[in-house]
Amino acid sequence: MRFAFGIIGAALVTFSAAASAQTPNPVLEHYRAYRAAIEAGDLNLSEAEAEAALSASEMRDGDGGRTAVLALNLANARLENDHIAEAIAPARRALALSESGSESGASNCSTPLSDPLSESASA
């Protein structure tokens, strides 16, 4: 009887580990699709995937995780797509997160982000 419970327990642990290993990471999936779209030259898809990666990061990590870097990716994708006005909000979000010192991924940068629209950025 103990042996049977041991086998069932081992099977449950193995199944649980396999299930957790297969859990998709939507942030990473959208980021990879964003990079693939850039490499393929598909600007519209790169913008859509950058937006999806940022949204997934915000849902999962809030202002933490890689949210600041993903916001910057979205701003860059929008600039590449000539969506200048739409690029401002995610660029400013990335800047604000980098300045706040949150665990947003931007704190790993050796140089802080700067706001190109501010007067002090030109100095």
PDB file of N, CA and C in Angstrom:
ATOM      1  N   MET A   1       0.820  -1.185   0.000  1.00  0.00           N
ATOM      2  CA  MET A   1       0.000   0.000   0.000  1.00  0.00           C
ATOM      3  C   MET A   1       0.872   1.260   0.000  1.00  0.00           C
ATOM      4  N   ARG A   2       1.913   1.260   0.875  1.00  0.00           N
ATOM      5  CA  ARG A   2       2.829   2.393   0.898  1.00  0.00           C
ATOM      6  C   ARG A   2       3.518   2.571  -0.439  1.00  0.00           C
ATOM      7  N   PHE A   3       3.882   1.474  -1.020  1.00  0.00           N
ATOM      8  CA  PHE A   3       4.554   1.504  -2.310  1.00  0.00           C
ATOM      9  C   PHE A   3       3.661   2.164  -3.359  1.00  0.00           C
ATOM     10  N   ALA A   4       2.368   1.833  -3.354  1.00  0.00           N
ATOM     11  CA  ALA A   4       1.422   2.409  -4.308  1.00  0.00           C
ATOM     12  C   ALA A   4       1.310   3.916  -4.115  1.00  0.00           C
ATOM     13  N   PHE A   5       1.237   4.369  -2.843  1.00  0.00           N
ATOM     14  CA  PHE A   5       1.165   5.806  -2.573  1.00  0.00           C
ATOM     15  C   PHE A   5       2.457   6.506  -3.009  1.00  0.00           C
ATOM     16  N   GLY A   6       3.572   5.828  -2.829  1.00  0.00           N
ATOM     17  CA  GLY A   6       4.862   6.388  -3.255  1.00  0.00           C
ATOM     18  C   GLY A   6       4.913   6.588  -4.750  1.00  0.00           C
ATOM     19  N   ILE A   7       4.404   5.593  -5.488  1.00  0.00           N
ATOM     20  CA  ILE A   7       4.391   5.683  -6.947  1.00  0.00           C
ATOM     21  C   ILE A   7       3.441   6.795  -7.395  1.00  0.00           C
ATOM     22  N   ILE A   8       2.278   6.871  -6.767  1.00  0.00           N
ATOM     23  CA  ILE A   8       1.311   7.921  -7.113  1.00  0.00           C
ATOM     24  C   ILE A   8       1.905   9.302  -6.808  1.00  0.00           C
ATOM     25  N   GLY A   9       2.554   9.422  -5.652  1.00  0.00           N
ATOM     26  CA  GLY A   9       3.178  10.690  -5.278  1.00  0.00           C
ATOM     27  C   GLY A   9       4.263  11.096  -6.262  1.00  0.00           C
ATOM     28  N   ALA A  10       5.094  10.152  -6.656  1.00  0.00           N
ATOM     29  CA  ALA A  10       6.162  10.436  -7.616  1.00  0.00           C
ATOM     30  C   ALA A  10       5.583  10.840  -8.966  1.00  0.00           C
ATOM     31  N   ALA A  11       4.508  10.160  -9.359  1.00  0.00           N
ATOM     32  CA  ALA A  11       3.870  10.492 -10.633  1.00  0.00           C
ATOM     33  C   ALA A  11       3.287  11.908 -10.590  1.00  0.00           C
ATOM     34  N   LEU A  12       2.670  12.264  -9.472  1.00  0.00           N
ATOM     35  CA  LEU A  12       2.110  13.611  -9.341  1.00  0.00           C
ATOM     36  C   LEU A  12       3.196  14.680  -9.387  1.00  0.00           C
ATOM     37  N   VAL A  13       4.318  14.442  -8.732  1.00  0.00           N
ATOM     38  CA  VAL A  13       5.428  15.398  -8.748  1.00  0.00           C
ATOM     39  C   VAL A  13       5.972  15.534 -10.160  1.00  0.00           C
ATOM     40  N   THR A  14       6.148  14.419 -10.846  1.00  0.00           N
ATOM     41  CA  THR A  14       6.644  14.442 -12.216  1.00  0.00           C
ATOM     42  C   THR A  14       5.675  15.166 -13.135  1.00  0.00           C
ATOM     43  N   PHE A  15       4.386  14.870 -13.004  1.00  0.00           N
ATOM     44  CA  PHE A  15       3.374  15.521 -13.833  1.00  0.00           C
ATOM     45  C   PHE A  15       3.332  17.014 -13.553  1.00  0.00           C
ATOM     46  N   SER A  16       3.419  17.386 -12.282  1.00  0.00           N
ATOM     47  CA  SER A  16       3.393  18.796 -11.897  1.00  0.00           C
ATOM     48  C   SER A  16       4.589  19.535 -12.480  1.00  0.00           C
ATOM     49  N   ALA A  17       5.771  18.947 -12.413  1.00  0.00           N
ATOM     50  CA  ALA A  17       6.972  19.576 -12.963  1.00  0.00           C
ATOM     51  C   ALA A  17       6.862  19.718 -14.476  1.00  0.00           C
ATOM     52  N   ALA A  18       6.338  18.695 -15.134  1.00  0.00           N
ATOM     53  CA  ALA A  18       6.181  18.753 -16.589  1.00  0.00           C
ATOM     54  C   ALA A  18       5.161  19.813 -16.983  1.00  0.00           C
ATOM     55  N   ALA A  19       4.086  19.917 -16.221  1.00  0.00           N
ATOM     56  CA  ALA A  19       3.054  20.907 -16.528  1.00  0.00           C
ATOM     57  C   ALA A  19       3.590  22.319 -16.337  1.00  0.00           C
ATOM     58  N   SER A  20       4.367  22.544 -15.282  1.00  0.00           N
ATOM     59  CA  SER A  20       4.900  23.882 -15.053  1.00  0.00           C
ATOM     60  C   SER A  20       5.955  24.234 -16.091  1.00  0.00           C
ATOM     61  N   ALA A  21       6.684  23.267 -16.590  1.00  0.00           N
ATOM     62  CA  ALA A  21       7.684  23.518 -17.621  1.00  0.00           C
ATOM     63  C   ALA A  21       7.027  23.903 -18.938  1.00  0.00           C
ATOM     64  N   GLN A  22       5.785  23.481 -19.143  1.00  0.00           N
ATOM     65  CA  GLN A  22       5.088  23.767 -20.390  1.00  0.00           C
ATOM     66  C   GLN A  22       4.221  25.015 -20.302  1.00  0.00           C
ATOM     67  N   THR A  23       4.175  25.667 -19.144  1.00  0.00           N
ATOM     68  CA  THR A  23       3.373  26.867 -19.001  1.00  0.00           C
ATOM     69  C   THR A  23       3.977  27.961 -19.862  1.00  0.00           C
ATOM     70  N   PRO A  24       3.197  28.520 -20.780  1.00  0.00           N
ATOM     71  CA  PRO A  24       3.746  29.537 -21.668  1.00  0.00           C
ATOM     72  C   PRO A  24       4.030  30.841 -20.932  1.00  0.00           C
ATOM     73  N   ASN A  25       5.019  31.553 -21.380  1.00  0.00           N
ATOM     74  CA  ASN A  25       5.369  32.859 -20.858  1.00  0.00           C
ATOM     75  C   ASN A  25       4.959  33.867 -21.933  1.00  0.00           C
ATOM     76  N   PRO A  26       3.801  34.520 -21.767  1.00  0.00           N
ATOM     77  CA  PRO A  26       3.316  35.409 -22.829  1.00  0.00           C
ATOM     78  C   PRO A  26       4.244  36.589 -23.097  1.00  0.00           C
ATOM     79  N   VAL A  27       4.933  37.072 -22.083  1.00  0.00           N
ATOM     80  CA  VAL A  27       5.860  38.187 -22.302  1.00  0.00           C
ATOM     81  C   VAL A  27       6.968  37.746 -23.248  1.00  0.00           C
ATOM     82  N   LEU A  28       7.572  36.603 -22.941  1.00  0.00           N
ATOM     83  CA  LEU A  28       8.663  36.089 -23.766  1.00  0.00           C
ATOM     84  C   LEU A  28       8.181  35.705 -25.165  1.00  0.00           C
ATOM     85  N   GLU A  29       7.009  35.110 -25.260  1.00  0.00           N
ATOM     86  CA  GLU A  29       6.475  34.727 -26.575  1.00  0.00           C
ATOM     87  C   GLU A  29       6.277  35.952 -27.464  1.00  0.00           C
ATOM     88  N   HIS A  30       5.680  37.008 -26.915  1.00  0.00           N
ATOM     89  CA  HIS A  30       5.451  38.225 -27.708  1.00  0.00           C
ATOM     90  C   HIS A  30       6.764  38.942 -28.013  1.00  0.00           C
ATOM     91  N   TYR A  31       7.701  38.920 -27.064  1.00  0.00           N
ATOM     92  CA  TYR A  31       8.998  39.536 -27.322  1.00  0.00           C
ATOM     93  C   TYR A  31       9.709  38.811 -28.469  1.00  0.00           C
ATOM     94  N   ARG A  32       9.687  37.489 -28.447  1.00  0.00           N
ATOM     95  CA  ARG A  32      10.327  36.726 -29.531  1.00  0.00           C
ATOM     96  C   ARG A  32       9.657  37.002 -30.872  1.00  0.00           C
ATOM     97  N   ALA A  33       8.327  37.119 -30.858  1.00  0.00           N
ATOM     98  CA  ALA A  33       7.608  37.441 -32.102  1.00  0.00           C
ATOM     99  C   ALA A  33       7.957  38.853 -32.570  1.00  0.00           C
ATOM    100  N   TYR A  34       8.134  39.769 -31.633  1.00  0.00           N
ATOM    101  CA  TYR A  34       8.555  41.145 -31.948  1.00  0.00           C
ATOM    102  C   TYR A  34       9.920  41.131 -32.625  1.00  0.00           C
ATOM    103  N   ARG A  35      10.882  40.399 -32.051  1.00  0.00           N
ATOM    104  CA  ARG A  35      12.228  40.314 -32.640  1.00  0.00           C
ATOM    105  C   ARG A  35      12.193  39.658 -34.021  1.00  0.00           C
ATOM    106  N   ALA A  36      11.383  38.611 -34.166  1.00  0.00           N
ATOM    107  CA  ALA A  36      11.269  37.933 -35.465  1.00  0.00           C
ATOM    108  C   ALA A  36      10.670  38.871 -36.510  1.00  0.00           C
ATOM    109  N   ALA A  37       9.683  39.668 -36.101  1.00  0.00           N
ATOM    110  CA  ALA A  37       9.068  40.624 -37.027  1.00  0.00           C
ATOM    111  C   ALA A  37      10.070  41.686 -37.458  1.00  0.00           C
ATOM    112  N   ILE A  38      10.911  42.132 -36.536  1.00  0.00           N
ATOM    113  CA  ILE A  38      11.953  43.104 -36.890  1.00  0.00           C
ATOM    114  C   ILE A  38      12.900  42.500 -37.914  1.00  0.00           C
ATOM    115  N   GLU A  39      13.344  41.272 -37.641  1.00  0.00           N
ATOM    116  CA  GLU A  39      14.276  40.604 -38.555  1.00  0.00           C
ATOM    117  C   GLU A  39      13.652  40.381 -39.925  1.00  0.00           C
ATOM    118  N   ALA A  40      12.320  40.171 -39.954  1.00  0.00           N
ATOM    119  CA  ALA A  40      11.626  39.969 -41.223  1.00  0.00           C
ATOM    120  C   ALA A  40      11.266  41.283 -41.903  1.00  0.00           C
ATOM    121  N   GLY A  41      11.484  42.389 -41.209  1.00  0.00           N
ATOM    122  CA  GLY A  41      11.157  43.692 -41.782  1.00  0.00           C
ATOM    123  C   GLY A  41       9.684  44.034 -41.742  1.00  0.00           C
ATOM    124  N   ASP A  42       8.921  43.345 -40.921  1.00  0.00           N
ATOM    125  CA  ASP A  42       7.479  43.588 -40.819  1.00  0.00           C
ATOM    126  C   ASP A  42       7.227  44.594 -39.691  1.00  0.00           C
ATOM    127  N   LEU A  43       7.195  45.884 -40.050  1.00  0.00           N
ATOM    128  CA  LEU A  43       7.065  46.944 -39.056  1.00  0.00           C
ATOM    129  C   LEU A  43       5.728  46.922 -38.340  1.00  0.00           C
ATOM    130  N   ASN A  44       4.657  46.626 -39.056  1.00  0.00           N
ATOM    131  CA  ASN A  44       3.337  46.581 -38.414  1.00  0.00           C
ATOM    132  C   ASN A  44       3.263  45.461 -37.382  1.00  0.00           C
ATOM    133  N   LEU A  45       3.775  44.298 -37.740  1.00  0.00           N
ATOM    134  CA  LEU A  45       3.758  43.172 -36.796  1.00  0.00           C
ATOM    135  C   LEU A  45       4.696  43.436 -35.622  1.00  0.00           C
ATOM    136  N   SER A  46       5.840  44.050 -35.880  1.00  0.00           N
ATOM    137  CA  SER A  46       6.762  44.339 -34.771  1.00  0.00           C
ATOM    138  C   SER A  46       6.115  45.291 -33.773  1.00  0.00           C
ATOM    139  N   GLU A  47       5.373  46.268 -34.255  1.00  0.00           N
ATOM    140  CA  GLU A  47       4.682  47.192 -33.349  1.00  0.00           C
ATOM    141  C   GLU A  47       3.595  46.464 -32.558  1.00  0.00           C
ATOM    142  N   ALA A  48       2.826  45.630 -33.237  1.00  0.00           N
ATOM    143  CA  ALA A  48       1.749  44.888 -32.561  1.00  0.00           C
ATOM    144  C   ALA A  48       2.317  43.944 -31.497  1.00  0.00           C
ATOM    145  N   GLU A  49       3.402  43.268 -31.810  1.00  0.00           N
ATOM    146  CA  GLU A  49       3.995  42.331 -30.850  1.00  0.00           C
ATOM    147  C   GLU A  49       4.686  43.065 -29.700  1.00  0.00           C
ATOM    148  N   ALA A  50       5.277  44.216 -29.981  1.00  0.00           N
ATOM    149  CA  ALA A  50       5.870  45.018 -28.903  1.00  0.00           C
ATOM    150  C   ALA A  50       4.783  45.485 -27.946  1.00  0.00           C
ATOM    151  N   GLU A  51       3.649  45.885 -28.493  1.00  0.00           N
ATOM    152  CA  GLU A  51       2.525  46.309 -27.655  1.00  0.00           C
ATOM    153  C   GLU A  51       1.987  45.135 -26.829  1.00  0.00           C
ATOM    154  N   ALA A  52       1.891  43.975 -27.446  1.00  0.00           N
ATOM    155  CA  ALA A  52       1.405  42.790 -26.730  1.00  0.00           C
ATOM    156  C   ALA A  52       2.378  42.370 -25.628  1.00  0.00           C
ATOM    157  N   ALA A  53       3.679  42.447 -25.899  1.00  0.00           N
ATOM    158  CA  ALA A  53       4.687  42.093 -24.880  1.00  0.00           C
ATOM    159  C   ALA A  53       4.606  43.054 -23.700  1.00  0.00           C
ATOM    160  N   LEU A  54       4.464  44.348 -23.986  1.00  0.00           N
ATOM    161  CA  LEU A  54       4.343  45.327 -22.914  1.00  0.00           C
ATOM    162  C   LEU A  54       3.081  45.077 -22.101  1.00  0.00           C
ATOM    163  N   SER A  55       1.981  44.844 -22.763  1.00  0.00           N
ATOM    164  CA  SER A  55       0.714  44.589 -22.074  1.00  0.00           C
ATOM    165  C   SER A  55       0.813  43.348 -21.180  1.00  0.00           C
ATOM    166  N   ALA A  56       1.425  42.298 -21.699  1.00  0.00           N
ATOM    167  CA  ALA A  56       1.584  41.067 -20.913  1.00  0.00           C
ATOM    168  C   ALA A  56       2.482  41.307 -19.704  1.00  0.00           C
ATOM    169  N   SER A  57       3.533  42.104 -19.875  1.00  0.00           N
ATOM    170  CA  SER A  57       4.423  42.418 -18.758  1.00  0.00           C
ATOM    171  C   SER A  57       3.709  43.253 -17.707  1.00  0.00           C
ATOM    172  N   GLU A  58       2.907  44.218 -18.159  1.00  0.00           N
ATOM    173  CA  GLU A  58       2.153  45.046 -17.215  1.00  0.00           C
ATOM    174  C   GLU A  58       1.165  44.199 -16.418  1.00  0.00           C
ATOM    175  N   MET A  59       0.519  43.254 -17.083  1.00  0.00           N
ATOM    176  CA  MET A  59      -0.436  42.391 -16.393  1.00  0.00           C
ATOM    177  C   MET A  59       0.267  41.490 -15.387  1.00  0.00           C
ATOM    178  N   ARG A  60       1.406  40.952 -15.766  1.00  0.00           N
ATOM    179  CA  ARG A  60       2.115  40.008 -14.915  1.00  0.00           C
ATOM    180  C   ARG A  60       2.962  40.709 -13.846  1.00  0.00           C
ATOM    181  N   ASP A  61       3.672  41.782 -14.235  1.00  0.00           N
ATOM    182  CA  ASP A  61       4.683  42.375 -13.363  1.00  0.00           C
ATOM    183  C   ASP A  61       4.387  43.804 -12.926  1.00  0.00           C
ATOM    184  N   GLY A  62       3.327  44.407 -13.444  1.00  0.00           N
ATOM    185  CA  GLY A  62       3.071  45.807 -13.130  1.00  0.00           C
ATOM    186  C   GLY A  62       4.214  46.662 -13.647  1.00  0.00           C
ATOM    187  N   ASP A  63       4.800  47.473 -12.774  1.00  0.00           N
ATOM    188  CA  ASP A  63       5.935  48.310 -13.161  1.00  0.00           C
ATOM    189  C   ASP A  63       7.264  47.581 -13.038  1.00  0.00           C
ATOM    190  N   GLY A  64       7.238  46.331 -12.589  1.00  0.00           N
ATOM    191  CA  GLY A  64       8.466  45.559 -12.409  1.00  0.00           C
ATOM    192  C   GLY A  64       8.793  44.738 -13.636  1.00  0.00           C
ATOM    193  N   GLY A  65       9.576  43.707 -13.420  1.00  0.00           N
ATOM    194  CA  GLY A  65       9.970  42.827 -14.521  1.00  0.00           C
ATOM    195  C   GLY A  65      10.742  43.599 -15.571  1.00  0.00           C
ATOM    196  N   ARG A  66      10.384  43.399 -16.809  1.00  0.00           N
ATOM    197  CA  ARG A  66      11.049  44.082 -17.930  1.00  0.00           C
ATOM    198  C   ARG A  66      10.135  45.154 -18.538  1.00  0.00           C
ATOM    199  N   THR A  67       9.188  45.653 -17.762  1.00  0.00           N
ATOM    200  CA  THR A  67       8.186  46.582 -18.285  1.00  0.00           C
ATOM    201  C   THR A  67       8.815  47.823 -18.904  1.00  0.00           C
ATOM    202  N   ALA A  68       9.801  48.430 -18.259  1.00  0.00           N
ATOM    203  CA  ALA A  68      10.413  49.647 -18.805  1.00  0.00           C
ATOM    204  C   ALA A  68      11.084  49.381 -20.151  1.00  0.00           C
ATOM    205  N   VAL A  69      11.815  48.299 -20.240  1.00  0.00           N
ATOM    206  CA  VAL A  69      12.504  47.967 -21.488  1.00  0.00           C
ATOM    207  C   VAL A  69      11.490  47.658 -22.588  1.00  0.00           C
ATOM    208  N   LEU A  70      10.417  46.976 -22.234  1.00  0.00           N
ATOM    209  CA  LEU A  70       9.386  46.662 -23.223  1.00  0.00           C
ATOM    210  C   LEU A  70       8.640  47.924 -23.662  1.00  0.00           C
ATOM    211  N   ALA A  71       8.470  48.879 -22.761  1.00  0.00           N
ATOM    212  CA  ALA A  71       7.863  50.167 -23.142  1.00  0.00           C
ATOM    213  C   ALA A  71       8.771  50.891 -24.129  1.00  0.00           C
ATOM    214  N   LEU A  72      10.065  50.834 -23.889  1.00  0.00           N
ATOM    215  CA  LEU A  72      11.019  51.447 -24.815  1.00  0.00           C
ATOM    216  C   LEU A  72      10.997  50.739 -26.169  1.00  0.00           C
ATOM    217  N   ASN A  73      10.872  49.411 -26.161  1.00  0.00           N
ATOM    218  CA  ASN A  73      10.756  48.670 -27.428  1.00  0.00           C
ATOM    219  C   ASN A  73       9.529  49.130 -28.218  1.00  0.00           C
ATOM    220  N   LEU A  74       8.406  49.320 -27.513  1.00  0.00           N
ATOM    221  CA  LEU A  74       7.190  49.774 -28.190  1.00  0.00           C
ATOM    222  C   LEU A  74       7.396  51.167 -28.766  1.00  0.00           C
ATOM    223  N   ALA A  75       8.014  52.051 -27.995  1.00  0.00           N
ATOM    224  CA  ALA A  75       8.283  53.400 -28.510  1.00  0.00           C
ATOM    225  C   ALA A  75       9.147  53.331 -29.771  1.00  0.00           C
ATOM    226  N   ASN A  76      10.178  52.505 -29.746  1.00  0.00           N
ATOM    227  CA  ASN A  76      11.053  52.349 -30.924  1.00  0.00           C
ATOM    228  C   ASN A  76      10.295  51.788 -32.113  1.00  0.00           C
ATOM    229  N   ALA A  77       9.450  50.784 -31.873  1.00  0.00           N
ATOM    230  CA  ALA A  77       8.675  50.195 -32.966  1.00  0.00           C
ATOM    231  C   ALA A  77       7.739  51.226 -33.582  1.00  0.00           C
ATOM    232  N   ARG A  78       7.118  52.039 -32.738  1.00  0.00           N
ATOM    233  CA  ARG A  78       6.225  53.080 -33.256  1.00  0.00           C
ATOM    234  C   ARG A  78       6.996  54.137 -34.036  1.00  0.00           C
ATOM    235  N   LEU A  79       8.182  54.488 -33.577  1.00  0.00           N
ATOM    236  CA  LEU A  79       9.006  55.436 -34.327  1.00  0.00           C
ATOM    237  C   LEU A  79       9.384  54.865 -35.691  1.00  0.00           C
ATOM    238  N   GLU A  80       9.770  53.593 -35.713  1.00  0.00           N
ATOM    239  CA  GLU A  80      10.115  52.939 -36.979  1.00  0.00           C
ATOM    240  C   GLU A  80       8.932  52.914 -37.942  1.00  0.00           C
ATOM    241  N   ASN A  81       7.738  52.895 -37.381  1.00  0.00           N
ATOM    242  CA  ASN A  81       6.507  52.846 -38.174  1.00  0.00           C
ATOM    243  C   ASN A  81       5.969  54.241 -38.487  1.00  0.00           C
ATOM    244  N   ASP A  82       6.752  55.279 -38.146  1.00  0.00           N
ATOM    245  CA  ASP A  82       6.344  56.680 -38.319  1.00  0.00           C
ATOM    246  C   ASP A  82       5.090  57.031 -37.537  1.00  0.00           C
ATOM    247  N   HIS A  83       4.887  56.375 -36.412  1.00  0.00           N
ATOM    248  CA  HIS A  83       3.796  56.703 -35.494  1.00  0.00           C
ATOM    249  C   HIS A  83       4.392  57.526 -34.352  1.00  0.00           C
ATOM    250  N   ILE A  84       4.844  58.719 -34.703  1.00  0.00           N
ATOM    251  CA  ILE A  84       5.608  59.557 -33.783  1.00  0.00           C
ATOM    252  C   ILE A  84       4.790  59.919 -32.540  1.00  0.00           C
ATOM    253  N   ALA A  85       3.591  60.412 -32.737  1.00  0.00           N
ATOM    254  CA  ALA A  85       2.765  60.845 -31.597  1.00  0.00           C
ATOM    255  C   ALA A  85       2.462  59.678 -30.660  1.00  0.00           C
ATOM    256  N   GLU A  86       2.242  58.488 -31.223  1.00  0.00           N
ATOM    257  CA  GLU A  86       1.918  57.321 -30.402  1.00  0.00           C
ATOM    258  C   GLU A  86       3.142  56.784 -29.664  1.00  0.00           C
ATOM    259  N   ALA A  87       4.339  57.177 -30.096  1.00  0.00           N
ATOM    260  CA  ALA A  87       5.570  56.699 -29.454  1.00  0.00           C
ATOM    261  C   ALA A  87       5.876  57.454 -28.167  1.00  0.00           C
ATOM    262  N   ILE A  88       5.296  58.622 -27.993  1.00  0.00           N
ATOM    263  CA  ILE A  88       5.643  59.458 -26.845  1.00  0.00           C
ATOM    264  C   ILE A  88       5.250  58.809 -25.517  1.00  0.00           C
ATOM    265  N   ALA A  89       4.036  58.301 -25.417  1.00  0.00           N
ATOM    266  CA  ALA A  89       3.564  57.727 -24.140  1.00  0.00           C
ATOM    267  C   ALA A  89       4.433  56.561 -23.675  1.00  0.00           C
ATOM    268  N   PRO A  90       4.715  55.553 -24.514  1.00  0.00           N
ATOM    269  CA  PRO A  90       5.564  54.468 -24.006  1.00  0.00           C
ATOM    270  C   PRO A  90       7.005  54.917 -23.736  1.00  0.00           C
ATOM    271  N   ALA A  91       7.502  55.905 -24.482  1.00  0.00           N
ATOM    272  CA  ALA A  91       8.858  56.414 -24.225  1.00  0.00           C
ATOM    273  C   ALA A  91       8.908  57.099 -22.861  1.00  0.00           C
ATOM    274  N   ARG A  92       7.899  57.889 -22.577  1.00  0.00           N
ATOM    275  CA  ARG A  92       7.857  58.560 -21.274  1.00  0.00           C
ATOM    276  C   ARG A  92       7.651  57.563 -20.142  1.00  0.00           C
ATOM    277  N   ARG A  93       6.885  56.520 -20.403  1.00  0.00           N
ATOM    278  CA  ARG A  93       6.687  55.479 -19.384  1.00  0.00           C
ATOM    279  C   ARG A  93       8.011  54.793 -19.074  1.00  0.00           C
ATOM    280  N   ALA A  94       8.771  54.475 -20.107  1.00  0.00           N
ATOM    281  CA  ALA A  94      10.084  53.858 -19.906  1.00  0.00           C
ATOM    282  C   ALA A  94      10.994  54.781 -19.115  1.00  0.00           C
ATOM    283  N   LEU A  95      10.972  56.058 -19.446  1.00  0.00           N
ATOM    284  CA  LEU A  95      11.790  57.032 -18.732  1.00  0.00           C
ATOM    285  C   LEU A  95      11.381  57.118 -17.263  1.00  0.00           C
ATOM    286  N   ALA A  96      10.082  57.217 -17.010  1.00  0.00           N
ATOM    287  CA  ALA A  96       9.595  57.327 -15.629  1.00  0.00           C
ATOM    288  C   ALA A  96       9.980  56.090 -14.814  1.00  0.00           C
ATOM    289  N   LEU A  97       9.847  54.913 -15.402  1.00  0.00           N
ATOM    290  CA  LEU A  97      10.205  53.683 -14.690  1.00  0.00           C
ATOM    291  C   LEU A  97      11.705  53.610 -14.434  1.00  0.00           C
ATOM    292  N   SER A  98      12.498  54.076 -15.390  1.00  0.00           N
ATOM    293  CA  SER A  98      13.950  54.033 -15.185  1.00  0.00           C
ATOM    294  C   SER A  98      14.373  55.011 -14.105  1.00  0.00           C
ATOM    295  N   GLU A  99      13.695  56.136 -14.014  1.00  0.00           N
ATOM    296  CA  GLU A  99      14.026  57.126 -12.989  1.00  0.00           C
ATOM    297  C   GLU A  99      13.526  56.724 -11.606  1.00  0.00           C
ATOM    298  N   SER A 100      12.458  55.930 -11.576  1.00  0.00           N
ATOM    299  CA  SER A 100      11.878  55.542 -10.287  1.00  0.00           C
ATOM    300  C   SER A 100      12.711  54.499  -9.557  1.00  0.00           C
ATOM    301  N   GLY A 101      13.623  53.866 -10.276  1.00  0.00           N
ATOM    302  CA  GLY A 101      14.440  52.834  -9.654  1.00  0.00           C
ATOM    303  C   GLY A 101      13.678  51.549  -9.414  1.00  0.00           C
ATOM    304  N   SER A 102      12.522  51.376 -10.087  1.00  0.00           N
ATOM    305  CA  SER A 102      11.754  50.148  -9.913  1.00  0.00           C
ATOM    306  C   SER A 102      12.521  48.982 -10.508  1.00  0.00           C
ATOM    307  N   GLU A 103      12.104  47.793 -10.158  1.00  0.00           N
ATOM    308  CA  GLU A 103      12.709  46.586 -10.711  1.00  0.00           C
ATOM    309  C   GLU A 103      12.118  46.346 -12.095  1.00  0.00           C
ATOM    310  N   SER A 104      12.329  47.303 -12.986  1.00  0.00           N
ATOM    311  CA  SER A 104      11.684  47.279 -14.286  1.00  0.00           C
ATOM    312  C   SER A 104      12.587  46.807 -15.407  1.00  0.00           C
ATOM    313  N   GLY A 105      13.794  46.446 -15.091  1.00  0.00           N
ATOM    314  CA  GLY A 105      14.720  46.032 -16.130  1.00  0.00           C
ATOM    315  C   GLY A 105      15.568  47.182 -16.607  1.00  0.00           C
ATOM    316  N   ALA A 106      15.072  48.411 -16.529  1.00  0.00           N
ATOM    317  CA  ALA A 106      15.843  49.559 -16.973  1.00  0.00           C
ATOM    318  C   ALA A 106      16.962  49.885 -16.001  1.00  0.00           C
ATOM    319  N   SER A 107      16.823  49.436 -14.758  1.00  0.00           N
ATOM    320  CA  SER A 107      17.863  49.710 -13.772  1.00  0.00           C
ATOM    321  C   SER A 107      19.144  48.944 -14.087  1.00  0.00           C
ATOM    322  N   ASN A 108      19.060  47.982 -15.011  1.00  0.00           N
ATOM    323  CA  ASN A 108      20.240  47.232 -15.410  1.00  0.00           C
ATOM    324  C   ASN A 108      21.085  48.010 -16.415  1.00  0.00           C
ATOM    325  N   CYS A 109      20.548  49.123 -16.917  1.00  0.00           N
ATOM    326  CA  CYS A 109      21.282  49.931 -17.881  1.00  0.00           C
ATOM    327  C   CYS A 109      22.376  50.700 -17.154  1.00  0.00           C
ATOM    328  N   SER A 110      23.541  50.804 -17.750  1.00  0.00           N
ATOM    329  CA  SER A 110      24.620  51.549 -17.112  1.00  0.00           C
ATOM    330  C   SER A 110      24.392  53.050 -17.228  1.00  0.00           C
ATOM    331  N   THR A 111      23.662  53.479 -18.240  1.00  0.00           N
ATOM    332  CA  THR A 111      23.353  54.889 -18.424  1.00  0.00           C
ATOM    333  C   THR A 111      21.854  55.061 -18.307  1.00  0.00           C
ATOM    334  N   PRO A 112      21.401  55.997 -17.447  1.00  0.00           N
ATOM    335  CA  PRO A 112      19.959  56.193 -17.327  1.00  0.00           C
ATOM    336  C   PRO A 112      19.370  56.728 -18.622  1.00  0.00           C
ATOM    337  N   LEU A 113      18.124  56.420 -18.851  1.00  0.00           N
ATOM    338  CA  LEU A 113      17.431  56.941 -20.022  1.00  0.00           C
ATOM    339  C   LEU A 113      17.239  58.433 -19.846  1.00  0.00           C
ATOM    340  N   SER A 114      17.154  59.166 -20.939  1.00  0.00           N
ATOM    341  CA  SER A 114      16.888  60.597 -20.844  1.00  0.00           C
ATOM    342  C   SER A 114      15.742  60.945 -21.765  1.00  0.00           C
ATOM    343  N   ASP A 115      15.064  62.030 -21.434  1.00  0.00           N
ATOM    344  CA  ASP A 115      13.915  62.489 -22.213  1.00  0.00           C
ATOM    345  C   ASP A 115      14.428  63.408 -23.314  1.00  0.00           C
ATOM    346  N   PRO A 116      14.368  62.978 -24.570  1.00  0.00           N
ATOM    347  CA  PRO A 116      14.878  63.814 -25.653  1.00  0.00           C
ATOM    348  C   PRO A 116      14.034  65.078 -25.870  1.00  0.00           C
ATOM    349  N   LEU A 117      12.863  65.138 -25.270  1.00  0.00           N
ATOM    350  CA  LEU A 117      12.001  66.300 -25.438  1.00  0.00           C
ATOM    351  C   LEU A 117      12.260  67.373 -24.386  1.00  0.00           C
ATOM    352  N   SER A 118      13.066  67.047 -23.378  1.00  0.00           N
ATOM    353  CA  SER A 118      13.333  68.032 -22.332  1.00  0.00           C
ATOM    354  C   SER A 118      14.507  68.904 -22.731  1.00  0.00           C
ATOM    355  N   GLU A 119      14.561  70.105 -22.177  1.00  0.00           N
ATOM    356  CA  GLU A 119      15.651  71.031 -22.485  1.00  0.00           C
ATOM    357  C   GLU A 119      16.985  70.528 -21.957  1.00  0.00           C
ATOM    358  N   SER A 120      16.969  69.860 -20.803  1.00  0.00           N
ATOM    359  CA  SER A 120      18.223  69.401 -20.206  1.00  0.00           C
ATOM    360  C   SER A 120      18.875  68.286 -21.011  1.00  0.00           C
ATOM    361  N   ALA A 121      18.109  67.614 -21.858  1.00  0.00           N
ATOM    362  CA  ALA A 121      18.681  66.524 -22.667  1.00  0.00           C
ATOM    363  C   ALA A 121      19.627  67.062 -23.715  1.00  0.00           C
ATOM    364  N   SER A 122      19.474  68.321 -24.125  1.00  0.00           N
ATOM    365  CA  SER A 122      20.330  68.873 -25.154  1.00  0.00           C
ATOM    366  C   SER A 122      21.650  69.380 -24.600  1.00  0.00           C
ATOM    367  N   ALA A 123      21.779  69.452 -23.276  1.00  0.00           N
ATOM    368  CA  ALA A 123      23.010  69.979 -22.658  1.00  0.00           C
ATOM    369  C   ALA A 123      24.073  68.927 -22.573  1.00  0.00           C
TER     370      ALA A 123
END
